[in-house]
Amino acid sequence: LWQGLRQRLGLLERLPVLRATVLDVRCWHHRRLQRKDKFWTGTYCCAEKPMHCVGGLSSACQGHGSVFTGTKCCLPPPTTCVAGSMNGCDGKNQLWTGTYCCVDGAQQCYPSAASDCKGPSTSFTGSQCCVPEDFKCWYASNCEQQGASRAGVNCCSQQM
């Protein structure tokens, strides 16, 4: 198997990099799914770069640099994928995979209604409100008065 892979790639020094990025799922071996950024080894779908993979559907896994493996939707990191809904996951920095709502960047997410997801840097997934990972969050009810964003029952703001 590795000998055939070496011949296909033509670069022996590139092999360890590709072995390190093998995805944890099998992918469809179909010509329309073959792209420059992935290939089929006979057992695994391999990506040329690290990806964050979650359950998804081929019809939904489109855009944001996504790659569909046959069972999973893979996005370039940093990406945070959490529970949500197709209708709620509609922001420009979001992608609905068919199973999860993925938000660009490292995020911290809290259960929330859309009405409780307000302020700068918030992203509503359909069931959760996400803010950047480097935000400090605390339980409070008067977020706007404190100049913070509301994320569920939390107030969140960028750490100074």
C-alpha atoms as a PDB file:
ATOM      1  CA  LEU A   1       0.000   0.000   0.000  1.00  0.00           C
ATOM      2  CA  TRP A   2       2.666   2.541   1.010  1.00  0.00           C
ATOM      3  CA  GLN A   3       4.783   1.661  -2.053  1.00  0.00           C
ATOM      4  CA  GLY A   4       1.832   2.459  -4.346  1.00  0.00           C
ATOM      5  CA  LEU A   5       1.208   5.662  -2.426  1.00  0.00           C
ATOM      6  CA  ARG A   6       4.880   6.649  -2.775  1.00  0.00           C
ATOM      7  CA  GLN A   7       4.717   6.077  -6.518  1.00  0.00           C
ATOM      8  CA  ARG A   8       1.502   8.099  -6.807  1.00  0.00           C
ATOM      9  CA  LEU A   9       2.914  11.074  -4.928  1.00  0.00           C
ATOM     10  CA  GLY A  10       6.427  10.831  -6.311  1.00  0.00           C
ATOM     11  CA  LEU A  11       7.836  12.434  -3.163  1.00  0.00           C
ATOM     12  CA  LEU A  12       9.284  10.193  -0.472  1.00  0.00           C
ATOM     13  CA  GLU A  13       9.874  13.069   1.950  1.00  0.00           C
ATOM     14  CA  ARG A  14       6.196  14.077   1.755  1.00  0.00           C
ATOM     15  CA  LEU A  15       4.921  10.706   3.007  1.00  0.00           C
ATOM     16  CA  PRO A  16       5.314  11.329   6.788  1.00  0.00           C
ATOM     17  CA  VAL A  17       3.311  14.568   6.509  1.00  0.00           C
ATOM     18  CA  LEU A  18       0.469  12.794   4.729  1.00  0.00           C
ATOM     19  CA  ARG A  19       0.483   9.907   7.206  1.00  0.00           C
ATOM     20  CA  ALA A  20       0.069  12.412  10.048  1.00  0.00           C
ATOM     21  CA  THR A  21      -3.051  13.933   8.471  1.00  0.00           C
ATOM     22  CA  VAL A  22      -4.964  10.703   7.840  1.00  0.00           C
ATOM     23  CA  LEU A  23      -8.581  11.314   8.791  1.00  0.00           C
ATOM     24  CA  ASP A  24     -10.326   8.980  11.209  1.00  0.00           C
ATOM     25  CA  VAL A  25     -13.024   7.897   8.763  1.00  0.00           C
ATOM     26  CA  ARG A  26     -13.346   6.113   5.465  1.00  0.00           C
ATOM     27  CA  CYS A  27     -14.328   8.290   2.541  1.00  0.00           C
ATOM     28  CA  TRP A  28     -16.234   7.659  -0.633  1.00  0.00           C
ATOM     29  CA  HIS A  29     -14.096   6.625  -3.524  1.00  0.00           C
ATOM     30  CA  HIS A  30     -15.844   8.437  -6.311  1.00  0.00           C
ATOM     31  CA  ARG A  31     -14.400  10.624  -9.070  1.00  0.00           C
ATOM     32  CA  ARG A  32     -16.644  13.611  -8.350  1.00  0.00           C
ATOM     33  CA  LEU A  33     -15.375  13.669  -4.743  1.00  0.00           C
ATOM     34  CA  GLN A  34     -11.688  13.666  -5.679  1.00  0.00           C
ATOM     35  CA  ARG A  35     -10.070  17.061  -5.199  1.00  0.00           C
ATOM     36  CA  LYS A  36      -6.552  18.410  -4.980  1.00  0.00           C
ATOM     37  CA  ASP A  37      -6.796  18.696  -1.178  1.00  0.00           C
ATOM     38  CA  LYS A  38      -7.721  15.025  -0.515  1.00  0.00           C
ATOM     39  CA  PHE A  39      -7.180  11.564  -1.932  1.00  0.00           C
ATOM     40  CA  TRP A  40      -8.255   7.960  -1.334  1.00  0.00           C
ATOM     41  CA  THR A  41      -5.621   5.437  -0.216  1.00  0.00           C
ATOM     42  CA  GLY A  42      -7.871   2.401  -0.518  1.00  0.00           C
ATOM     43  CA  THR A  43      -8.611   2.519   3.217  1.00  0.00           C
ATOM     44  CA  TYR A  44      -8.610   6.169   4.293  1.00  0.00           C
ATOM     45  CA  CYS A  45      -9.494   9.577   3.025  1.00  0.00           C
ATOM     46  CA  CYS A  46      -6.343  11.674   3.448  1.00  0.00           C
ATOM     47  CA  ALA A  47      -6.162  15.444   3.559  1.00  0.00           C
ATOM     48  CA  GLU A  48      -3.210  17.603   2.616  1.00  0.00           C
ATOM     49  CA  LYS A  49      -3.673  19.693   5.773  1.00  0.00           C
ATOM     50  CA  PRO A  50      -5.130  19.213   9.289  1.00  0.00           C
ATOM     51  CA  MET A  51      -8.935  19.321   9.444  1.00  0.00           C
ATOM     52  CA  HIS A  52     -11.597  19.307  12.175  1.00  0.00           C
ATOM     53  CA  CYS A  53     -14.147  16.616  11.241  1.00  0.00           C
ATOM     54  CA  VAL A  54     -17.713  16.160  12.513  1.00  0.00           C
ATOM     55  CA  GLY A  55     -20.811  14.340  11.318  1.00  0.00           C
ATOM     56  CA  GLY A  56     -22.466  15.846   8.283  1.00  0.00           C
ATOM     57  CA  LEU A  57     -24.179  15.480   4.924  1.00  0.00           C
ATOM     58  CA  SER A  58     -22.656  16.076   1.491  1.00  0.00           C
ATOM     59  CA  SER A  59     -25.478  18.449   0.533  1.00  0.00           C
ATOM     60  CA  ALA A  60     -24.780  20.686   3.547  1.00  0.00           C
ATOM     61  CA  CYS A  61     -20.984  20.464   3.738  1.00  0.00           C
ATOM     62  CA  GLN A  62     -20.270  23.265   1.254  1.00  0.00           C
ATOM     63  CA  GLY A  63     -18.037  26.318   1.626  1.00  0.00           C
ATOM     64  CA  HIS A  64     -15.666  27.603   4.319  1.00  0.00           C
ATOM     65  CA  GLY A  65     -12.903  25.328   2.973  1.00  0.00           C
ATOM     66  CA  SER A  66     -14.920  22.216   3.853  1.00  0.00           C
ATOM     67  CA  VAL A  67     -14.185  18.700   2.604  1.00  0.00           C
ATOM     68  CA  PHE A  68     -16.804  15.924   2.755  1.00  0.00           C
ATOM     69  CA  THR A  69     -15.340  12.446   3.384  1.00  0.00           C
ATOM     70  CA  GLY A  70     -18.468  10.396   2.812  1.00  0.00           C
ATOM     71  CA  THR A  71     -19.633  10.485   6.432  1.00  0.00           C
ATOM     72  CA  LYS A  72     -17.991  13.560   7.942  1.00  0.00           C
ATOM     73  CA  CYS A  73     -17.719  17.218   7.123  1.00  0.00           C
ATOM     74  CA  CYS A  74     -14.172  18.469   7.686  1.00  0.00           C
ATOM     75  CA  LEU A  75     -13.245  22.121   8.147  1.00  0.00           C
ATOM     76  CA  PRO A  76      -9.882  23.805   8.581  1.00  0.00           C
ATOM     77  CA  PRO A  77      -9.059  24.637  12.194  1.00  0.00           C
ATOM     78  CA  PRO A  78      -9.679  26.586  14.258  1.00  0.00           C
ATOM     79  CA  THR A  79     -13.365  25.734  14.044  1.00  0.00           C
ATOM     80  CA  THR A  80     -15.843  25.047  16.843  1.00  0.00           C
ATOM     81  CA  CYS A  81     -18.729  22.677  16.031  1.00  0.00           C
ATOM     82  CA  VAL A  82     -21.673  22.371  18.421  1.00  0.00           C
ATOM     83  CA  ALA A  83     -25.353  21.477  18.500  1.00  0.00           C
ATOM     84  CA  GLY A  84     -27.606  23.791  16.570  1.00  0.00           C
ATOM     85  CA  SER A  85     -30.212  23.910  13.837  1.00  0.00           C
ATOM     86  CA  MET A  86     -30.171  24.470  10.089  1.00  0.00           C
ATOM     87  CA  ASN A  87     -32.240  27.664  10.380  1.00  0.00           C
ATOM     88  CA  GLY A  88     -30.305  29.005  13.370  1.00  0.00           C
ATOM     89  CA  CYS A  89     -26.858  28.379  11.900  1.00  0.00           C
ATOM     90  CA  ASP A  90     -26.961  31.075   9.246  1.00  0.00           C
ATOM     91  CA  GLY A  91     -24.254  33.615  10.106  1.00  0.00           C
ATOM     92  CA  LYS A  92     -21.471  34.518   7.695  1.00  0.00           C
ATOM     93  CA  ASN A  93     -18.906  32.891  10.017  1.00  0.00           C
ATOM     94  CA  GLN A  94     -20.963  29.670  10.358  1.00  0.00           C
ATOM     95  CA  LEU A  95     -21.518  26.454   8.423  1.00  0.00           C
ATOM     96  CA  TRP A  96     -24.338  23.949   8.957  1.00  0.00           C
ATOM     97  CA  THR A  97     -22.832  20.484   8.310  1.00  0.00           C
ATOM     98  CA  GLY A  98     -26.186  18.713   8.270  1.00  0.00           C
ATOM     99  CA  THR A  99     -25.593  17.616  11.880  1.00  0.00           C
ATOM    100  CA  TYR A 100     -23.687  20.401  13.657  1.00  0.00           C
ATOM    101  CA  CYS A 101     -23.281  24.146  13.451  1.00  0.00           C
ATOM    102  CA  CYS A 102     -19.627  25.073  12.999  1.00  0.00           C
ATOM    103  CA  VAL A 103     -18.408  28.550  13.910  1.00  0.00           C
ATOM    104  CA  ASP A 104     -15.116  29.916  12.586  1.00  0.00           C
ATOM    105  CA  GLY A 105     -12.445  30.238  15.277  1.00  0.00           C
ATOM    106  CA  ALA A 106     -11.955  28.850  18.765  1.00  0.00           C
ATOM    107  CA  GLN A 107     -15.209  29.537  20.632  1.00  0.00           C
ATOM    108  CA  GLN A 108     -16.861  28.851  23.979  1.00  0.00           C
ATOM    109  CA  CYS A 109     -20.566  28.095  23.651  1.00  0.00           C
ATOM    110  CA  TYR A 110     -23.474  28.186  26.097  1.00  0.00           C
ATOM    111  CA  PRO A 111     -27.076  26.923  25.856  1.00  0.00           C
ATOM    112  CA  SER A 112     -29.162  29.868  24.744  1.00  0.00           C
ATOM    113  CA  ALA A 113     -32.217  31.176  22.960  1.00  0.00           C
ATOM    114  CA  ALA A 114     -31.647  33.590  20.075  1.00  0.00           C
ATOM    115  CA  SER A 115     -32.998  36.408  22.263  1.00  0.00           C
ATOM    116  CA  ASP A 116     -30.202  35.729  24.801  1.00  0.00           C
ATOM    117  CA  CYS A 117     -27.375  35.852  22.253  1.00  0.00           C
ATOM    118  CA  LYS A 118     -26.622  39.527  21.755  1.00  0.00           C
ATOM    119  CA  GLY A 119     -23.640  41.771  21.451  1.00  0.00           C
ATOM    120  CA  PRO A 120     -20.298  41.966  19.694  1.00  0.00           C
ATOM    121  CA  SER A 121     -18.670  38.709  18.560  1.00  0.00           C
ATOM    122  CA  THR A 122     -21.681  36.483  19.373  1.00  0.00           C
ATOM    123  CA  SER A 123     -22.784  33.649  17.072  1.00  0.00           C
ATOM    124  CA  PHE A 124     -26.115  31.864  17.544  1.00  0.00           C
ATOM    125  CA  THR A 125     -26.143  28.226  16.375  1.00  0.00           C
ATOM    126  CA  GLY A 126     -29.836  27.511  16.817  1.00  0.00           C
ATOM    127  CA  SER A 127     -29.458  26.228  20.383  1.00  0.00           C
ATOM    128  CA  GLN A 128     -26.233  27.757  21.687  1.00  0.00           C
ATOM    129  CA  CYS A 129     -24.583  31.153  21.822  1.00  0.00           C
ATOM    130  CA  CYS A 130     -20.851  31.216  21.085  1.00  0.00           C
ATOM    131  CA  VAL A 131     -18.268  33.860  21.908  1.00  0.00           C
ATOM    132  CA  PRO A 132     -14.515  33.801  21.268  1.00  0.00           C
ATOM    133  CA  GLU A 133     -12.506  31.482  23.493  1.00  0.00           C
ATOM    134  CA  ASP A 134     -10.471  34.365  24.929  1.00  0.00           C
ATOM    135  CA  PHE A 135     -13.589  36.136  26.276  1.00  0.00           C
ATOM    136  CA  LYS A 136     -14.163  36.088  30.026  1.00  0.00           C
ATOM    137  CA  CYS A 137     -17.720  34.996  30.936  1.00  0.00           C
ATOM    138  CA  TRP A 138     -19.617  35.310  34.215  1.00  0.00           C
ATOM    139  CA  TYR A 139     -23.181  34.832  35.434  1.00  0.00           C
ATOM    140  CA  ALA A 140     -25.035  38.154  35.417  1.00  0.00           C
ATOM    141  CA  SER A 141     -28.282  39.706  34.186  1.00  0.00           C
ATOM    142  CA  ASN A 142     -27.241  43.222  33.179  1.00  0.00           C
ATOM    143  CA  CYS A 143     -24.722  42.603  30.390  1.00  0.00           C
ATOM    144  CA  GLU A 144     -25.545  45.680  28.344  1.00  0.00           C
ATOM    145  CA  GLN A 145     -24.988  47.956  31.336  1.00  0.00           C
ATOM    146  CA  GLN A 146     -21.578  46.366  31.820  1.00  0.00           C
ATOM    147  CA  GLY A 147     -20.672  46.726  28.120  1.00  0.00           C
ATOM    148  CA  ALA A 148     -20.618  42.964  27.651  1.00  0.00           C
ATOM    149  CA  SER A 149     -22.220  40.499  25.267  1.00  0.00           C
ATOM    150  CA  ARG A 150     -25.050  38.207  26.411  1.00  0.00           C
ATOM    151  CA  ALA A 151     -24.455  34.439  25.888  1.00  0.00           C
ATOM    152  CA  GLY A 152     -27.314  32.537  27.502  1.00  0.00           C
ATOM    153  CA  VAL A 153     -27.243  33.299  31.236  1.00  0.00           C
ATOM    154  CA  ASN A 154     -23.686  34.662  30.965  1.00  0.00           C
ATOM    155  CA  CYS A 155     -22.185  38.037  30.262  1.00  0.00           C
ATOM    156  CA  CYS A 156     -19.004  37.834  28.243  1.00  0.00           C
ATOM    157  CA  SER A 157     -16.370  40.369  27.256  1.00  0.00           C
ATOM    158  CA  GLN A 158     -12.883  40.421  25.856  1.00  0.00           C
ATOM    159  CA  GLN A 159     -10.221  40.207  28.536  1.00  0.00           C
ATOM    160  CA  MET A 160      -8.091  43.315  28.792  1.00  0.00           C
END
